[in-house]
Amino acid sequence: MTRMMIVDASKESRLLMKNFLLAHNHNVIAEASDGIEAIEKYNSEKPDLIFLDLAMSKLDGLSVLRKIRFQDHTSKIIVITGNDDIKIFEECTRLGVLAFLTKPFDFTDVLSAISFSNEMTVVK
């Protein structure tokens, strides 16, 4: 079963996502509310899939993405964002993000993104 981590500054957003994932029999192993905590939890838990919000304190999501990629270029990451800046989209794509969920998103898109990530094999 895919081990997932949710990274979002909003406690309510994390709770909604976690409850949705658990209701669909997914395994949420970690949550983080800021970029520093996200890196720490990533290093300790080694999740298979990360839902990463870009708008966070202490260390923004794009910086978290870069740090995770520097450590492990095979990690599977789905970005959650309310930002439609094409430069951020291009940077995330360059860094190998599997999918984007634009807030507000439909939870069926979450299931589609998970399904897509499960089909992806990352060469180490």
N, C-alpha and C. Protein backbone atom coordinates (compact mmCIF):
# COMPACT_ATOMS: atom_id res chain seq x y z
N MET A 1 0.84 -1.18 0.00
CA MET A 1 0.00 0.00 0.00
C MET A 1 0.89 1.24 0.00
N THR A 2 0.53 2.20 -0.82
CA THR A 2 1.29 3.44 -0.95
C THR A 2 1.24 4.24 0.35
N ARG A 3 2.41 4.61 0.83
CA ARG A 3 2.54 5.40 2.06
C ARG A 3 2.57 6.87 1.68
N MET A 4 1.61 7.65 2.20
CA MET A 4 1.44 9.04 1.77
C MET A 4 1.71 10.04 2.88
N MET A 5 2.19 11.21 2.46
CA MET A 5 2.40 12.33 3.37
C MET A 5 1.66 13.55 2.81
N ILE A 6 1.00 14.28 3.69
CA ILE A 6 0.27 15.49 3.32
C ILE A 6 1.00 16.69 3.91
N VAL A 7 1.37 17.64 3.06
CA VAL A 7 2.07 18.84 3.50
C VAL A 7 1.22 20.05 3.12
N ASP A 8 0.67 20.71 4.12
CA ASP A 8 -0.20 21.87 3.89
C ASP A 8 -0.21 22.73 5.15
N ALA A 9 -0.11 24.03 5.00
CA ALA A 9 -0.11 24.93 6.15
C ALA A 9 -1.45 24.94 6.87
N SER A 10 -2.50 24.64 6.15
CA SER A 10 -3.85 24.67 6.72
C SER A 10 -4.19 23.34 7.40
N LYS A 11 -4.42 23.42 8.70
CA LYS A 11 -4.81 22.22 9.45
C LYS A 11 -6.10 21.63 8.89
N GLU A 12 -7.05 22.51 8.54
CA GLU A 12 -8.33 22.06 8.00
C GLU A 12 -8.14 21.33 6.67
N SER A 13 -7.28 21.86 5.81
CA SER A 13 -7.01 21.22 4.51
C SER A 13 -6.37 19.86 4.70
N ARG A 14 -5.41 19.78 5.64
CA ARG A 14 -4.76 18.49 5.91
C ARG A 14 -5.79 17.48 6.41
N LEU A 15 -6.66 17.92 7.32
CA LEU A 15 -7.66 17.02 7.88
C LEU A 15 -8.64 16.54 6.80
N LEU A 16 -9.10 17.45 5.95
CA LEU A 16 -10.00 17.06 4.86
C LEU A 16 -9.35 16.03 3.94
N MET A 17 -8.10 16.32 3.55
CA MET A 17 -7.38 15.40 2.66
C MET A 17 -7.15 14.06 3.34
N LYS A 18 -6.71 14.10 4.58
CA LYS A 18 -6.44 12.85 5.31
C LYS A 18 -7.71 12.02 5.44
N ASN A 19 -8.81 12.64 5.85
CA ASN A 19 -10.07 11.90 5.99
C ASN A 19 -10.54 11.32 4.67
N PHE A 20 -10.38 12.08 3.59
CA PHE A 20 -10.75 11.59 2.27
C PHE A 20 -9.90 10.37 1.89
N LEU A 21 -8.59 10.49 2.08
CA LEU A 21 -7.69 9.39 1.72
C LEU A 21 -7.97 8.15 2.56
N LEU A 22 -8.16 8.33 3.85
CA LEU A 22 -8.46 7.19 4.72
C LEU A 22 -9.79 6.54 4.35
N ALA A 23 -10.78 7.35 3.98
CA ALA A 23 -12.09 6.82 3.58
C ALA A 23 -11.99 6.00 2.30
N HIS A 24 -10.94 6.26 1.51
CA HIS A 24 -10.72 5.51 0.28
C HIS A 24 -9.59 4.49 0.45
N ASN A 25 -9.37 4.09 1.69
CA ASN A 25 -8.42 3.02 2.04
C ASN A 25 -6.98 3.30 1.64
N HIS A 26 -6.57 4.56 1.77
CA HIS A 26 -5.17 4.90 1.52
C HIS A 26 -4.46 5.05 2.86
N ASN A 27 -3.15 4.95 2.82
CA ASN A 27 -2.32 4.94 4.01
C ASN A 27 -1.60 6.28 4.19
N VAL A 28 -2.10 7.12 5.09
CA VAL A 28 -1.46 8.40 5.38
C VAL A 28 -0.54 8.19 6.58
N ILE A 29 0.77 8.30 6.33
CA ILE A 29 1.74 8.01 7.39
C ILE A 29 2.28 9.26 8.07
N ALA A 30 2.11 10.43 7.41
CA ALA A 30 2.68 11.65 8.00
C ALA A 30 1.96 12.89 7.48
N GLU A 31 2.03 13.94 8.29
CA GLU A 31 1.51 15.25 7.92
C GLU A 31 2.54 16.28 8.35
N ALA A 32 2.58 17.39 7.61
CA ALA A 32 3.46 18.50 7.98
C ALA A 32 2.74 19.81 7.70
N SER A 33 3.00 20.81 8.55
CA SER A 33 2.32 22.09 8.42
C SER A 33 3.22 23.20 7.89
N ASP A 34 4.51 22.94 7.77
CA ASP A 34 5.43 23.93 7.20
C ASP A 34 6.57 23.20 6.49
N GLY A 35 7.37 23.98 5.77
CA GLY A 35 8.42 23.39 4.96
C GLY A 35 9.50 22.66 5.74
N ILE A 36 9.89 23.21 6.87
CA ILE A 36 10.93 22.57 7.70
C ILE A 36 10.43 21.22 8.21
N GLU A 37 9.21 21.21 8.73
CA GLU A 37 8.62 19.96 9.22
C GLU A 37 8.47 18.96 8.08
N ALA A 38 8.15 19.44 6.88
CA ALA A 38 8.00 18.55 5.73
C ALA A 38 9.30 17.81 5.41
N ILE A 39 10.40 18.53 5.42
CA ILE A 39 11.71 17.91 5.16
C ILE A 39 12.04 16.90 6.26
N GLU A 40 11.81 17.27 7.52
CA GLU A 40 12.09 16.36 8.63
C GLU A 40 11.25 15.09 8.52
N LYS A 41 9.96 15.24 8.25
CA LYS A 41 9.08 14.06 8.14
C LYS A 41 9.44 13.23 6.91
N TYR A 42 9.80 13.90 5.82
CA TYR A 42 10.22 13.15 4.63
C TYR A 42 11.43 12.28 4.96
N ASN A 43 12.40 12.86 5.63
CA ASN A 43 13.62 12.12 5.96
C ASN A 43 13.37 10.98 6.94
N SER A 44 12.46 11.16 7.87
CA SER A 44 12.21 10.11 8.87
C SER A 44 11.23 9.05 8.38
N GLU A 45 10.26 9.44 7.58
CA GLU A 45 9.19 8.50 7.18
C GLU A 45 9.36 7.91 5.79
N LYS A 46 10.06 8.59 4.91
CA LYS A 46 10.27 8.14 3.52
C LYS A 46 8.96 7.73 2.84
N PRO A 47 8.01 8.65 2.71
CA PRO A 47 6.73 8.31 2.07
C PRO A 47 6.91 7.98 0.59
N ASP A 48 5.98 7.19 0.07
CA ASP A 48 6.00 6.84 -1.35
C ASP A 48 5.42 7.95 -2.21
N LEU A 49 4.51 8.73 -1.63
CA LEU A 49 3.82 9.78 -2.36
C LEU A 49 3.59 10.98 -1.44
N ILE A 50 3.87 12.17 -1.96
CA ILE A 50 3.72 13.39 -1.17
C ILE A 50 2.73 14.32 -1.85
N PHE A 51 1.76 14.80 -1.07
CA PHE A 51 0.88 15.89 -1.50
C PHE A 51 1.49 17.15 -0.91
N LEU A 52 1.98 18.04 -1.76
CA LEU A 52 2.76 19.19 -1.31
C LEU A 52 2.10 20.51 -1.71
N ASP A 53 1.64 21.26 -0.71
CA ASP A 53 1.13 22.61 -0.95
C ASP A 53 2.33 23.53 -1.11
N LEU A 54 2.23 24.47 -2.04
CA LEU A 54 3.35 25.38 -2.27
C LEU A 54 3.38 26.56 -1.31
N ALA A 55 2.24 26.95 -0.76
CA ALA A 55 2.16 28.12 0.12
C ALA A 55 2.29 27.71 1.58
N MET A 56 3.52 27.85 2.10
CA MET A 56 3.78 27.48 3.49
C MET A 56 4.76 28.46 4.13
N SER A 57 4.81 28.42 5.45
CA SER A 57 5.75 29.26 6.19
C SER A 57 7.06 28.51 6.41
N LYS A 58 8.01 29.23 6.91
CA LYS A 58 9.36 28.75 7.26
C LYS A 58 10.16 28.34 6.03
N LEU A 59 9.56 27.56 5.15
CA LEU A 59 10.20 27.14 3.90
C LEU A 59 9.07 26.86 2.93
N ASP A 60 9.03 27.58 1.81
CA ASP A 60 7.91 27.43 0.89
C ASP A 60 7.96 26.07 0.17
N GLY A 61 6.86 25.70 -0.43
CA GLY A 61 6.73 24.40 -1.07
C GLY A 61 7.71 24.17 -2.20
N LEU A 62 8.01 25.21 -2.97
CA LEU A 62 8.96 25.06 -4.06
C LEU A 62 10.36 24.74 -3.52
N SER A 63 10.73 25.37 -2.41
CA SER A 63 12.02 25.07 -1.78
C SER A 63 12.03 23.65 -1.22
N VAL A 64 10.91 23.22 -0.66
CA VAL A 64 10.80 21.84 -0.17
C VAL A 64 10.96 20.87 -1.33
N LEU A 65 10.30 21.16 -2.43
CA LEU A 65 10.40 20.32 -3.62
C LEU A 65 11.85 20.20 -4.08
N ARG A 66 12.55 21.32 -4.14
CA ARG A 66 13.96 21.30 -4.56
C ARG A 66 14.81 20.46 -3.61
N LYS A 67 14.61 20.62 -2.30
CA LYS A 67 15.40 19.87 -1.32
C LYS A 67 15.12 18.37 -1.41
N ILE A 68 13.86 18.01 -1.55
CA ILE A 68 13.53 16.59 -1.68
C ILE A 68 14.14 16.02 -2.96
N ARG A 69 14.04 16.76 -4.04
CA ARG A 69 14.61 16.31 -5.31
C ARG A 69 16.13 16.16 -5.22
N PHE A 70 16.78 17.05 -4.49
CA PHE A 70 18.22 16.97 -4.32
C PHE A 70 18.59 15.67 -3.60
N GLN A 71 17.78 15.28 -2.63
CA GLN A 71 18.02 14.06 -1.86
C GLN A 71 17.61 12.80 -2.62
N ASP A 72 16.49 12.90 -3.34
CA ASP A 72 15.92 11.71 -3.98
C ASP A 72 15.16 12.11 -5.23
N HIS A 73 15.78 11.91 -6.38
CA HIS A 73 15.14 12.32 -7.63
C HIS A 73 13.99 11.40 -8.05
N THR A 74 13.78 10.32 -7.30
CA THR A 74 12.72 9.37 -7.65
C THR A 74 11.43 9.55 -6.84
N SER A 75 11.43 10.47 -5.90
CA SER A 75 10.24 10.65 -5.06
C SER A 75 9.05 11.10 -5.91
N LYS A 76 7.87 10.64 -5.52
CA LYS A 76 6.64 10.96 -6.25
C LYS A 76 5.92 12.09 -5.51
N ILE A 77 5.72 13.19 -6.22
CA ILE A 77 5.16 14.39 -5.59
C ILE A 77 4.00 14.93 -6.43
N ILE A 78 2.91 15.23 -5.74
CA ILE A 78 1.76 15.89 -6.35
C ILE A 78 1.65 17.25 -5.68
N VAL A 79 1.68 18.30 -6.48
CA VAL A 79 1.64 19.66 -5.96
C VAL A 79 0.19 20.13 -5.84
N ILE A 80 -0.08 20.78 -4.71
CA ILE A 80 -1.37 21.42 -4.47
C ILE A 80 -1.10 22.92 -4.43
N THR A 81 -1.84 23.69 -5.22
CA THR A 81 -1.58 25.12 -5.26
C THR A 81 -2.82 25.93 -5.62
N GLY A 82 -2.83 27.13 -5.14
CA GLY A 82 -3.85 28.09 -5.52
C GLY A 82 -3.26 29.11 -6.48
N ASN A 83 -1.99 28.93 -6.82
CA ASN A 83 -1.25 29.86 -7.66
C ASN A 83 -1.27 29.37 -9.11
N ASP A 84 -1.54 30.28 -10.04
CA ASP A 84 -1.55 29.88 -11.44
C ASP A 84 -0.40 30.51 -12.23
N ASP A 85 0.68 30.84 -11.52
CA ASP A 85 1.86 31.43 -12.14
C ASP A 85 2.55 30.39 -13.03
N ILE A 86 2.67 30.68 -14.31
CA ILE A 86 3.24 29.73 -15.27
C ILE A 86 4.70 29.41 -14.95
N LYS A 87 5.45 30.37 -14.40
CA LYS A 87 6.85 30.11 -14.06
C LYS A 87 6.97 29.07 -12.94
N ILE A 88 6.08 29.14 -11.97
CA ILE A 88 6.08 28.14 -10.90
C ILE A 88 5.68 26.78 -11.46
N PHE A 89 4.68 26.75 -12.31
CA PHE A 89 4.26 25.51 -12.96
C PHE A 89 5.43 24.90 -13.74
N GLU A 90 6.13 25.72 -14.52
CA GLU A 90 7.27 25.23 -15.31
C GLU A 90 8.38 24.69 -14.41
N GLU A 91 8.67 25.40 -13.31
CA GLU A 91 9.72 24.94 -12.39
C GLU A 91 9.34 23.61 -11.75
N CYS A 92 8.09 23.49 -11.32
CA CYS A 92 7.63 22.23 -10.73
C CYS A 92 7.71 21.09 -11.74
N THR A 93 7.33 21.37 -12.97
CA THR A 93 7.39 20.37 -14.03
C THR A 93 8.84 19.96 -14.27
N ARG A 94 9.74 20.94 -14.32
CA ARG A 94 11.17 20.65 -14.51
C ARG A 94 11.70 19.77 -13.39
N LEU A 95 11.16 19.96 -12.19
CA LEU A 95 11.59 19.18 -11.03
C LEU A 95 10.88 17.83 -10.92
N GLY A 96 10.05 17.50 -11.89
CA GLY A 96 9.47 16.16 -11.95
C GLY A 96 8.20 15.93 -11.17
N VAL A 97 7.42 16.98 -10.92
CA VAL A 97 6.14 16.79 -10.23
C VAL A 97 5.24 15.93 -11.11
N LEU A 98 4.54 14.98 -10.50
CA LEU A 98 3.67 14.07 -11.26
C LEU A 98 2.36 14.70 -11.67
N ALA A 99 1.80 15.56 -10.81
CA ALA A 99 0.49 16.15 -11.09
C ALA A 99 0.32 17.42 -10.29
N PHE A 100 -0.62 18.25 -10.74
CA PHE A 100 -0.98 19.48 -10.05
C PHE A 100 -2.45 19.42 -9.69
N LEU A 101 -2.75 19.80 -8.46
CA LEU A 101 -4.14 19.97 -8.02
C LEU A 101 -4.29 21.44 -7.69
N THR A 102 -5.14 22.14 -8.44
CA THR A 102 -5.34 23.56 -8.24
C THR A 102 -6.52 23.79 -7.31
N LYS A 103 -6.27 24.54 -6.23
CA LYS A 103 -7.32 24.84 -5.27
C LYS A 103 -8.32 25.82 -5.86
N PRO A 104 -9.58 25.66 -5.61
CA PRO A 104 -10.18 24.48 -4.97
C PRO A 104 -10.26 23.34 -5.97
N PHE A 105 -9.98 22.13 -5.52
CA PHE A 105 -9.99 20.98 -6.42
C PHE A 105 -11.09 20.01 -6.05
N ASP A 106 -11.44 19.18 -7.00
CA ASP A 106 -12.43 18.13 -6.80
C ASP A 106 -11.68 16.90 -6.29
N PHE A 107 -12.20 16.27 -5.27
CA PHE A 107 -11.50 15.12 -4.70
C PHE A 107 -11.39 13.94 -5.67
N THR A 108 -12.21 13.89 -6.70
CA THR A 108 -12.03 12.83 -7.70
C THR A 108 -10.70 13.04 -8.43
N ASP A 109 -10.24 14.30 -8.52
CA ASP A 109 -8.93 14.57 -9.12
C ASP A 109 -7.81 13.99 -8.26
N VAL A 110 -8.01 13.96 -6.96
CA VAL A 110 -7.02 13.36 -6.05
C VAL A 110 -6.87 11.88 -6.37
N LEU A 111 -7.99 11.19 -6.53
CA LEU A 111 -7.94 9.76 -6.85
C LEU A 111 -7.28 9.52 -8.20
N SER A 112 -7.57 10.38 -9.17
CA SER A 112 -6.94 10.25 -10.49
C SER A 112 -5.43 10.45 -10.39
N ALA A 113 -5.01 11.43 -9.61
CA ALA A 113 -3.58 11.70 -9.44
C ALA A 113 -2.88 10.53 -8.75
N ILE A 114 -3.53 9.93 -7.76
CA ILE A 114 -2.96 8.77 -7.08
C ILE A 114 -2.85 7.60 -8.05
N SER A 115 -3.88 7.37 -8.81
CA SER A 115 -3.87 6.28 -9.79
C SER A 115 -2.73 6.49 -10.79
N PHE A 116 -2.58 7.71 -11.27
CA PHE A 116 -1.50 8.03 -12.20
C PHE A 116 -0.14 7.78 -11.55
N SER A 117 0.02 8.20 -10.31
CA SER A 117 1.31 8.03 -9.63
C SER A 117 1.64 6.55 -9.42
N ASN A 118 0.61 5.75 -9.20
CA ASN A 118 0.83 4.31 -9.01
C ASN A 118 1.28 3.62 -10.30
N GLU A 119 0.92 4.21 -11.43
CA GLU A 119 1.32 3.64 -12.72
C GLU A 119 2.73 4.05 -13.11
N MET A 120 3.24 5.09 -12.47
CA MET A 120 4.56 5.61 -12.82
C MET A 120 5.65 4.79 -12.14
N THR A 121 6.64 4.43 -12.92
CA THR A 121 7.83 3.78 -12.39
C THR A 121 8.98 4.75 -12.57
N VAL A 122 9.62 5.08 -11.48
CA VAL A 122 10.72 6.03 -11.54
C VAL A 122 12.02 5.26 -11.55
N VAL A 123 12.86 5.53 -12.55
CA VAL A 123 14.14 4.84 -12.67
C VAL A 123 15.12 5.45 -11.69
N LYS A 124 15.74 4.60 -10.90
CA LYS A 124 16.71 5.10 -9.92
C LYS A 124 18.09 5.17 -10.51
